[in-house]
Amino acid sequence: MLRKIELEKALELMREGVAPLAPEETDLISANGRILAEDIEASSDQPPFPRSPLDGYAFDAASGEDASRERPAVFKVVEKICAGDWSNRTVGRGEAVRIMTGAMIPKGCDCVVMQEETDCGEDAVRVYKRLKPNENYCFAGEDYKKGDLLLPAFARIDPASMAVIAGAGMARVKVIRRPRVCVVSTGDELTAPGAPRGKGEIYCSNNYYIEARLAEMGARVVASRIVRDDAAELKACLEAAAAESDLIVTTGGVSVGEKDLLLRVLKEMGADIAFHGIRIKPGSPSAFSRYKGVRLLSLSGNPFASAASFELLVWPLLAAMTGDKRPGLARVTAELANDFNKKGGTRRFVRGRFDGASVHLPDGHSNGQIRSMIGCNCLIDIPEGSGALKAGDRVSALLFPDMPVFDGAHA
């Protein structure tokens, strides 16, 4: 009989002693989705000079304070400045420069009139609108100033932050190294997709779910293996995996059956087993251990049990390994769209599709069924001792990290 612990205690034990991995440098485009390893500070103002936000004419607002359609202000056009050009000229009273979007505004000018409010003159221009000082005028440092903190260490880089970093002139950044993960599925009954399948065998699907989710979460899968129920072979596989990874995720062989060898092998290897058994359904036999500085998370071999316990356990661990501050497994309260008639004494997690307001349950809730997981983006957390649930009941759901929220059309 397994001595089971609460899910929250399991997560606490898994994160114990975990620190972010070492930093590495990468080019900016490859940094998308990665976690910054250092603060990013501005080395200059952005923009680095006052610039025009539109095509038009720049001048001193006081020179055209009485301008109107009936009585336009007339300016001598002394220069034309395009984006990328610059001028040392100081523009005097009654003078203007033809200027394009993004171009540097010269000294003596404190506003820009859009060309639609002028006669677009070349040597002289008529301005039909009165402008205030600093109207249509982008100041140097309007976005940020030299020395400003642009992004803190451990921020997740997204396209907007990439643009900020690029605008600051940086082509490379330091990021936290991606966790290296080995995925191992155990069982004499397993064979690889594409290979001949013998009687009594099934194609291994767990590795594919886990590898795909690890990639979405920002980890790097360095190996994916299927191992028979053989102690020596399993030990050799785990030893090899420990030499090339930060985390090993296994499925199968973790319960108490005759061929559930994993925990026995781990003990023989000298692994430190933090826990074996969680008070949840499915995934109750899940185990976590440490071996030579590598963490091993061992999950049930049933496809949905493997997927559900992966979603509950892996993201918090990966976040601790990368320093990712995003709140994974966000909890929401939603209305149940259809009935769930199963009763049970153990805390249960049920797959579902959250559409922003309601949670829709698919058909099929067996631990061996994975097809009904298609389109699911959350797990409903049903407390211990709950009875059957009915449509309209309020339920608590955990959203999968890095997964979309489906709209009603997908329900």
Protein backbone atom coordinates (compact mmCIF):
# COMPACT_ATOMS: atom_id res chain seq x y z
CA MET A 1 0.00 0.00 0.00
CA LEU A 2 1.42 3.38 -1.04
CA ARG A 3 1.72 6.09 1.58
CA LYS A 4 0.18 8.95 -0.37
CA ILE A 5 0.67 12.68 0.19
CA GLU A 6 -1.37 15.70 -0.86
CA LEU A 7 -0.74 17.26 -4.28
CA GLU A 8 0.38 20.55 -2.75
CA LYS A 9 2.95 18.72 -0.57
CA ALA A 10 4.23 16.84 -3.62
CA LEU A 11 4.78 20.12 -5.48
CA GLU A 12 6.58 21.56 -2.47
CA LEU A 13 8.93 18.56 -2.29
CA MET A 14 9.61 18.69 -6.03
CA ARG A 15 10.63 22.36 -5.94
CA GLU A 16 12.77 21.95 -2.82
CA GLY A 17 16.34 23.06 -3.51
CA VAL A 18 15.66 23.90 -7.16
CA ALA A 19 17.49 26.96 -8.51
CA PRO A 20 17.42 28.43 -12.03
CA LEU A 21 19.80 26.77 -14.46
CA ALA A 22 22.97 28.49 -15.68
CA PRO A 23 22.66 31.33 -18.22
CA GLU A 24 23.71 31.16 -21.85
CA GLU A 25 23.94 33.74 -24.60
CA THR A 26 21.77 33.55 -27.71
CA ASP A 27 20.83 35.68 -30.69
CA LEU A 28 17.72 37.78 -30.18
CA ILE A 29 15.37 35.96 -32.57
CA SER A 30 16.18 32.65 -30.86
CA ALA A 31 15.39 34.18 -27.48
CA ASN A 32 11.63 34.33 -28.10
CA GLY A 33 9.87 32.49 -25.29
CA ARG A 34 13.05 32.19 -23.23
CA ILE A 35 13.68 33.56 -19.72
CA LEU A 36 16.07 36.48 -19.32
CA ALA A 37 19.11 35.83 -17.15
CA GLU A 38 19.95 39.49 -16.52
CA ASP A 39 18.41 42.95 -16.33
CA ILE A 40 18.20 44.82 -19.64
CA GLU A 41 18.94 48.55 -19.27
CA ALA A 42 18.72 51.21 -21.94
CA SER A 43 22.11 52.36 -23.22
CA SER A 44 20.56 55.46 -24.83
CA ASP A 45 17.30 57.39 -25.11
CA GLN A 46 14.56 56.00 -27.34
CA PRO A 47 14.00 57.71 -29.64
CA PRO A 48 17.54 59.12 -29.52
CA PHE A 49 16.38 62.47 -30.95
CA PRO A 50 13.13 64.44 -31.25
CA ARG A 51 11.30 63.08 -34.28
CA SER A 52 8.25 63.72 -36.39
CA PRO A 53 5.26 61.36 -36.05
CA LEU A 54 3.91 62.31 -39.49
CA ASP A 55 4.64 63.81 -42.91
CA GLY A 56 4.33 67.58 -42.85
CA TYR A 57 6.21 70.74 -41.87
CA ALA A 58 8.09 71.57 -38.68
CA PHE A 59 8.34 75.13 -37.33
CA ASP A 60 8.06 77.25 -34.20
CA ALA A 61 4.42 77.21 -33.05
CA ALA A 62 4.58 80.88 -32.06
CA SER A 63 5.23 81.78 -35.70
CA GLY A 64 1.81 80.49 -36.77
CA GLU A 65 -0.30 81.23 -33.72
CA ASP A 66 -2.98 83.00 -35.82
CA ALA A 67 -3.11 80.47 -38.67
CA SER A 68 -6.52 79.49 -40.05
CA ARG A 69 -8.19 78.51 -43.32
CA GLU A 70 -9.20 82.10 -43.89
CA ARG A 71 -5.83 83.56 -42.90
CA PRO A 72 -3.09 80.96 -43.39
CA ALA A 73 0.36 81.46 -41.91
CA VAL A 74 3.04 81.52 -44.59
CA PHE A 75 6.49 80.02 -43.94
CA LYS A 76 9.65 79.96 -45.99
CA VAL A 77 10.69 76.33 -46.55
CA VAL A 78 14.42 76.24 -45.84
CA GLU A 79 15.12 72.49 -45.95
CA LYS A 80 13.68 69.03 -46.55
CA ILE A 81 14.44 66.29 -44.01
CA CYS A 82 13.59 62.62 -44.63
CA ALA A 83 13.78 59.75 -42.18
CA GLY A 84 17.43 58.94 -41.62
CA ASP A 85 18.54 62.51 -42.46
CA TRP A 86 19.63 65.10 -39.93
CA SER A 87 20.30 68.82 -39.93
CA ASN A 88 22.51 71.18 -37.95
CA ARG A 89 20.30 74.09 -38.96
CA THR A 90 18.48 76.16 -36.36
CA VAL A 91 15.15 77.09 -37.92
CA GLY A 92 14.26 80.75 -37.42
CA ARG A 93 10.94 82.51 -36.92
CA GLY A 94 8.83 82.43 -40.07
CA GLU A 95 10.79 79.47 -41.40
CA ALA A 96 9.76 75.82 -41.75
CA VAL A 97 11.28 72.53 -42.86
CA ARG A 98 9.56 69.91 -44.97
CA ILE A 99 9.75 66.78 -42.81
CA MET A 100 8.85 63.11 -43.15
CA THR A 101 7.63 60.57 -40.59
CA GLY A 102 10.45 59.44 -38.31
CA ALA A 103 12.82 62.24 -39.30
CA MET A 104 14.79 64.25 -36.75
CA ILE A 105 13.15 67.58 -35.87
CA PRO A 106 15.77 70.36 -36.09
CA LYS A 107 16.45 73.03 -33.49
CA GLY A 108 14.07 75.97 -33.49
CA CYS A 109 11.01 73.78 -34.20
CA ASP A 110 8.56 72.69 -31.54
CA CYS A 111 5.63 71.34 -33.59
CA VAL A 112 4.78 69.57 -36.85
CA VAL A 113 1.70 70.25 -38.95
CA MET A 114 0.40 67.40 -41.10
CA GLN A 115 0.69 68.08 -44.80
CA GLU A 116 -3.10 67.80 -45.23
CA GLU A 117 -3.39 71.07 -43.25
CA THR A 118 -1.14 72.91 -45.75
CA ASP A 119 -0.92 73.66 -49.46
CA CYS A 120 2.18 71.38 -49.64
CA GLY A 121 4.31 74.24 -50.95
CA GLU A 122 7.97 73.63 -51.81
CA ASP A 123 9.65 77.05 -51.49
CA ALA A 124 6.95 78.51 -49.25
CA VAL A 125 4.12 76.77 -47.49
CA ARG A 126 0.71 77.96 -46.35
CA VAL A 127 -0.40 76.49 -43.01
CA TYR A 128 -4.15 76.44 -42.36
CA LYS A 129 -4.15 75.33 -38.75
CA ARG A 130 -2.94 76.83 -35.50
CA LEU A 131 -0.67 74.46 -33.56
CA LYS A 132 0.33 74.44 -29.94
CA PRO A 133 3.93 74.02 -28.76
CA ASN A 134 4.93 70.30 -28.74
CA GLU A 135 1.96 69.30 -30.90
CA ASN A 136 2.82 66.32 -33.15
CA TYR A 137 6.26 66.32 -31.54
CA CYS A 138 7.94 63.12 -30.28
CA PHE A 139 10.55 64.00 -27.66
CA ALA A 140 13.89 62.27 -27.35
CA GLY A 141 13.47 59.54 -24.73
CA GLU A 142 9.70 59.50 -25.14
CA ASP A 143 9.66 55.68 -24.96
CA TYR A 144 12.46 55.34 -22.41
CA LYS A 145 15.54 57.14 -21.12
CA LYS A 146 19.16 56.06 -20.98
CA GLY A 147 19.64 53.92 -17.87
CA ASP A 148 15.96 52.91 -17.60
CA LEU A 149 15.26 49.27 -16.72
CA LEU A 150 13.63 47.85 -19.84
CA LEU A 151 13.18 44.25 -18.69
CA PRO A 152 14.08 42.62 -15.38
CA ALA A 153 15.96 39.35 -15.03
CA PHE A 154 13.65 36.30 -15.20
CA ALA A 155 11.13 38.06 -17.43
CA ARG A 156 9.83 35.89 -20.27
CA ILE A 157 10.80 37.25 -23.67
CA ASP A 158 7.85 37.73 -26.02
CA PRO A 159 7.61 39.52 -29.38
CA ALA A 160 6.99 42.91 -27.73
CA SER A 161 9.99 42.59 -25.43
CA MET A 162 12.09 41.40 -28.38
CA ALA A 163 11.19 44.63 -30.17
CA VAL A 164 12.20 46.67 -27.10
CA ILE A 165 15.53 44.85 -26.84
CA ALA A 166 16.18 45.30 -30.56
CA GLY A 167 15.26 48.99 -30.31
CA ALA A 168 17.88 49.30 -27.58
CA GLY A 169 20.48 48.07 -30.08
CA MET A 170 21.08 44.58 -28.66
CA ALA A 171 21.41 41.62 -31.04
CA ARG A 172 22.24 39.03 -28.37
CA VAL A 173 20.97 38.43 -24.83
CA LYS A 174 21.69 36.17 -21.89
CA VAL A 175 18.90 33.71 -21.12
CA ILE A 176 18.41 30.80 -18.75
CA ARG A 177 19.40 27.52 -20.35
CA ARG A 178 16.49 25.35 -21.43
CA PRO A 179 15.96 22.33 -19.14
CA ARG A 180 17.21 19.18 -20.82
CA VAL A 181 14.66 16.39 -20.44
CA CYS A 182 14.73 12.67 -21.20
CA VAL A 183 11.39 10.90 -21.66
CA VAL A 184 11.22 7.17 -20.91
CA SER A 185 8.19 4.91 -21.26
CA THR A 186 8.41 1.43 -19.78
CA GLY A 187 6.52 -1.78 -20.53
CA ASP A 188 6.87 -5.05 -22.46
CA GLU A 189 3.59 -4.22 -24.18
CA LEU A 190 4.90 -1.04 -25.83
CA THR A 191 6.15 -0.68 -29.37
CA ALA A 192 7.09 2.39 -31.36
CA PRO A 193 4.64 3.87 -33.89
CA GLY A 194 5.54 2.70 -37.37
CA ALA A 195 7.00 -0.60 -36.15
CA PRO A 196 5.23 -3.96 -36.50
CA ARG A 197 2.85 -4.55 -33.60
CA GLY A 198 2.73 -8.03 -32.09
CA LYS A 199 -0.17 -9.65 -30.28
CA GLY A 200 -0.66 -8.13 -26.86
CA GLU A 201 1.29 -4.99 -27.83
CA ILE A 202 0.16 -1.37 -28.15
CA TYR A 203 1.77 1.64 -29.75
CA CYS A 204 3.45 3.97 -27.28
CA SER A 205 1.64 7.34 -27.17
CA ASN A 206 2.77 8.78 -23.84
CA ASN A 207 6.13 9.94 -25.13
CA TYR A 208 4.49 11.97 -27.87
CA TYR A 209 2.15 13.86 -25.55
CA ILE A 210 4.93 14.57 -23.06
CA GLU A 211 7.50 15.60 -25.67
CA ALA A 212 5.07 17.97 -27.38
CA ARG A 213 4.05 19.60 -24.10
CA LEU A 214 7.66 19.92 -22.97
CA ALA A 215 8.48 21.75 -26.20
CA GLU A 216 5.50 24.09 -25.66
CA MET A 217 6.73 24.77 -22.13
CA GLY A 218 10.22 25.70 -23.33
CA ALA A 219 12.15 22.56 -22.38
CA ARG A 220 14.51 20.67 -24.69
CA VAL A 221 13.90 16.95 -25.11
CA VAL A 222 17.32 15.33 -25.53
CA ALA A 223 16.15 11.71 -25.70
CA SER A 224 12.95 9.67 -25.94
CA ARG A 225 13.09 5.95 -25.22
CA ILE A 226 10.91 2.86 -24.77
CA VAL A 227 12.28 0.30 -22.28
CA ARG A 228 11.15 -3.25 -21.57
CA ASP A 229 10.22 -4.46 -18.09
CA ASP A 230 13.76 -5.60 -17.39
CA ALA A 231 15.62 -4.29 -14.33
CA ALA A 232 19.08 -4.28 -15.93
CA GLU A 233 17.85 -2.59 -19.11
CA LEU A 234 15.88 -0.03 -17.12
CA LYS A 235 18.87 0.75 -14.91
CA ALA A 236 21.15 1.22 -17.93
CA CYS A 237 18.58 3.51 -19.57
CA LEU A 238 18.21 5.69 -16.46
CA GLU A 239 21.98 5.91 -15.99
CA ALA A 240 22.40 7.07 -19.58
CA ALA A 241 19.54 9.54 -19.25
CA ALA A 242 20.97 10.99 -16.05
CA ALA A 243 24.24 11.73 -17.84
CA GLU A 244 22.60 14.01 -20.40
CA SER A 245 19.62 15.63 -18.72
CA ASP A 246 18.36 17.84 -15.90
CA LEU A 247 15.03 16.02 -15.63
CA ILE A 248 13.86 12.52 -16.51
CA VAL A 249 10.13 11.91 -16.99
CA THR A 250 9.10 8.26 -16.97
CA THR A 251 5.73 6.61 -17.54
CA GLY A 252 4.74 3.12 -16.42
CA GLY A 253 6.22 0.69 -13.93
CA VAL A 254 5.53 2.96 -10.97
CA SER A 255 2.72 1.13 -9.20
CA VAL A 256 3.02 -2.02 -7.04
CA GLY A 257 2.45 -4.80 -9.58
CA GLU A 258 4.80 -7.69 -10.26
CA LYS A 259 6.44 -5.93 -13.20
CA ASP A 260 6.38 -2.43 -11.73
CA LEU A 261 10.15 -2.29 -11.41
CA LEU A 262 10.90 1.41 -11.48
CA LEU A 263 10.96 2.21 -7.77
CA ARG A 264 12.95 -0.93 -7.01
CA VAL A 265 15.54 -0.03 -9.63
CA LEU A 266 15.76 3.56 -8.39
CA LYS A 267 16.41 2.35 -4.85
CA GLU A 268 19.11 -0.03 -6.09
CA MET A 269 20.74 2.88 -7.95
CA GLY A 270 20.81 4.89 -4.73
CA ALA A 271 18.26 7.50 -5.80
CA ASP A 272 16.73 9.69 -3.10
CA ILE A 273 12.98 9.07 -3.34
CA ALA A 274 11.10 12.18 -2.13
CA PHE A 275 7.64 10.64 -2.43
CA HIS A 276 5.74 7.74 -3.98
CA GLY A 277 1.99 8.23 -4.14
CA ILE A 278 -0.28 11.30 -4.30
CA ARG A 279 -3.84 11.56 -3.02
CA ILE A 280 -5.35 12.26 -6.44
CA LYS A 281 -7.13 10.38 -9.18
CA PRO A 282 -5.82 9.68 -11.77
CA GLY A 283 -2.05 9.55 -11.27
CA SER A 284 -2.00 8.40 -7.65
CA PRO A 285 1.16 6.24 -7.97
CA SER A 286 3.28 9.17 -9.21
CA ALA A 287 6.75 9.35 -7.68
CA PHE A 288 9.60 11.85 -7.54
CA SER A 289 13.27 11.19 -6.84
CA ARG A 290 16.76 12.65 -7.24
CA TYR A 291 19.79 10.89 -8.64
CA LYS A 292 23.23 12.48 -9.12
CA GLY A 293 21.70 15.97 -9.22
CA VAL A 294 19.09 14.93 -11.80
CA ARG A 295 15.37 14.95 -10.95
CA LEU A 296 13.16 12.03 -11.93
CA LEU A 297 9.40 12.33 -12.18
CA SER A 298 7.70 8.96 -12.59
CA LEU A 299 4.10 8.87 -13.84
CA SER A 300 1.44 6.26 -14.43
CA GLY A 301 1.51 4.45 -17.76
CA ASN A 302 -2.20 4.93 -18.50
CA PRO A 303 -2.41 7.61 -21.22
CA PHE A 304 -4.77 10.06 -19.54
CA ALA A 305 -3.33 9.43 -16.07
CA SER A 306 0.09 10.19 -17.51
CA ALA A 307 -1.13 13.35 -19.25
CA ALA A 308 -3.10 14.66 -16.25
CA SER A 309 -0.32 14.12 -13.71
CA PHE A 310 2.16 15.63 -16.18
CA GLU A 311 0.06 18.80 -16.38
CA LEU A 312 -0.24 19.02 -12.59
CA LEU A 313 3.39 18.35 -11.75
CA VAL A 314 5.77 19.31 -14.54
CA TRP A 315 5.09 23.01 -15.11
CA PRO A 316 5.81 24.10 -11.51
CA LEU A 317 9.09 22.18 -11.63
CA LEU A 318 10.15 23.62 -14.99
CA ALA A 319 9.24 27.12 -13.78
CA ALA A 320 11.51 26.68 -10.77
CA MET A 321 14.34 25.42 -13.00
CA THR A 322 14.11 28.43 -15.32
CA GLY A 323 13.05 31.16 -12.87
CA ASP A 324 9.86 31.71 -14.90
CA LYS A 325 7.61 33.95 -12.81
CA ARG A 326 4.40 33.32 -14.74
CA PRO A 327 1.65 31.75 -12.64
CA GLY A 328 1.27 28.37 -14.29
CA LEU A 329 -1.83 26.27 -13.72
CA ALA A 330 -4.00 29.35 -13.28
CA ARG A 331 -7.13 28.52 -11.32
CA VAL A 332 -10.50 29.76 -12.58
CA THR A 333 -14.07 29.28 -11.40
CA ALA A 334 -16.49 28.38 -14.16
CA GLU A 335 -19.91 26.92 -14.82
CA LEU A 336 -20.05 23.27 -15.78
CA ALA A 337 -21.67 22.88 -19.21
CA ASN A 338 -22.67 19.23 -18.86
CA ASP A 339 -23.09 16.54 -16.21
CA PHE A 340 -20.35 14.46 -14.61
CA ASN A 341 -22.03 11.53 -12.91
CA LYS A 342 -19.09 9.70 -11.37
CA LYS A 343 -18.79 9.70 -7.59
CA GLY A 344 -15.62 9.08 -5.66
CA GLY A 345 -13.94 9.63 -2.35
CA THR A 346 -10.55 10.72 -3.74
CA ARG A 347 -9.74 14.18 -5.10
CA ARG A 348 -10.25 13.84 -8.83
CA PHE A 349 -9.06 15.76 -11.88
CA VAL A 350 -11.25 15.63 -14.98
CA ARG A 351 -10.29 16.86 -18.45
CA GLY A 352 -12.28 19.74 -19.96
CA ARG A 353 -12.42 22.64 -22.42
CA PHE A 354 -12.70 26.10 -20.89
CA ASP A 355 -14.23 28.72 -23.21
CA GLY A 356 -13.77 31.74 -20.96
CA ALA A 357 -16.96 31.20 -18.98
CA SER A 358 -17.95 27.52 -18.99
CA VAL A 359 -16.15 24.18 -18.88
CA HIS A 360 -17.27 21.56 -21.37
CA LEU A 361 -16.62 17.89 -20.60
CA PRO A 362 -15.79 15.50 -23.44
CA ASP A 363 -17.20 12.00 -23.74
CA GLY A 364 -14.94 9.36 -22.26
CA HIS A 365 -13.17 9.69 -18.92
CA SER A 366 -11.29 6.42 -18.60
CA ASN A 367 -7.60 6.65 -17.66
CA GLY A 368 -6.79 4.61 -20.75
CA GLN A 369 -8.56 7.03 -23.12
CA ILE A 370 -6.50 9.80 -24.68
CA ARG A 371 -8.67 10.66 -27.70
CA SER A 372 -11.09 12.67 -25.53
CA MET A 373 -8.13 14.81 -24.43
CA ILE A 374 -8.07 16.43 -27.87
CA GLY A 375 -8.99 20.10 -27.52
CA CYS A 376 -8.88 20.06 -23.72
CA ASN A 377 -7.12 22.95 -22.03
CA CYS A 378 -7.89 22.44 -18.35
CA LEU A 379 -8.44 19.99 -15.53
CA ILE A 380 -11.48 20.31 -13.27
CA ASP A 381 -10.42 19.95 -9.64
CA ILE A 382 -13.15 17.92 -7.89
CA PRO A 383 -12.62 17.89 -4.11
CA GLU A 384 -12.45 14.71 -2.08
CA GLY A 385 -15.87 13.35 -1.14
CA SER A 386 -17.77 15.19 -3.86
CA GLY A 387 -20.83 13.58 -5.41
CA ALA A 388 -21.99 13.74 -9.01
CA LEU A 389 -21.82 17.14 -10.72
CA LYS A 390 -24.62 18.65 -12.77
CA ALA A 391 -24.65 21.16 -15.60
CA GLY A 392 -24.75 24.65 -14.10
CA ASP A 393 -22.67 23.73 -11.03
CA ARG A 394 -19.74 26.04 -10.29
CA VAL A 395 -16.43 24.20 -10.51
CA SER A 396 -12.76 25.04 -10.04
CA ALA A 397 -10.49 24.38 -13.01
CA LEU A 398 -6.75 24.55 -13.58
CA LEU A 399 -5.75 25.93 -16.99
CA PHE A 400 -2.85 24.27 -18.76
CA PRO A 401 0.10 26.65 -19.19
CA ASP A 402 0.85 27.74 -22.77
CA MET A 403 -2.44 26.36 -24.09
CA PRO A 404 -5.20 28.33 -25.86
CA VAL A 405 -8.60 29.20 -24.42
CA PHE A 406 -11.15 27.95 -26.94
CA ASP A 407 -14.14 30.01 -27.88
CA GLY A 408 -17.65 28.63 -27.90
CA ALA A 409 -17.32 27.40 -31.47
CA HIS A 410 -14.95 24.71 -30.26
CA ALA A 411 -17.15 23.53 -27.40
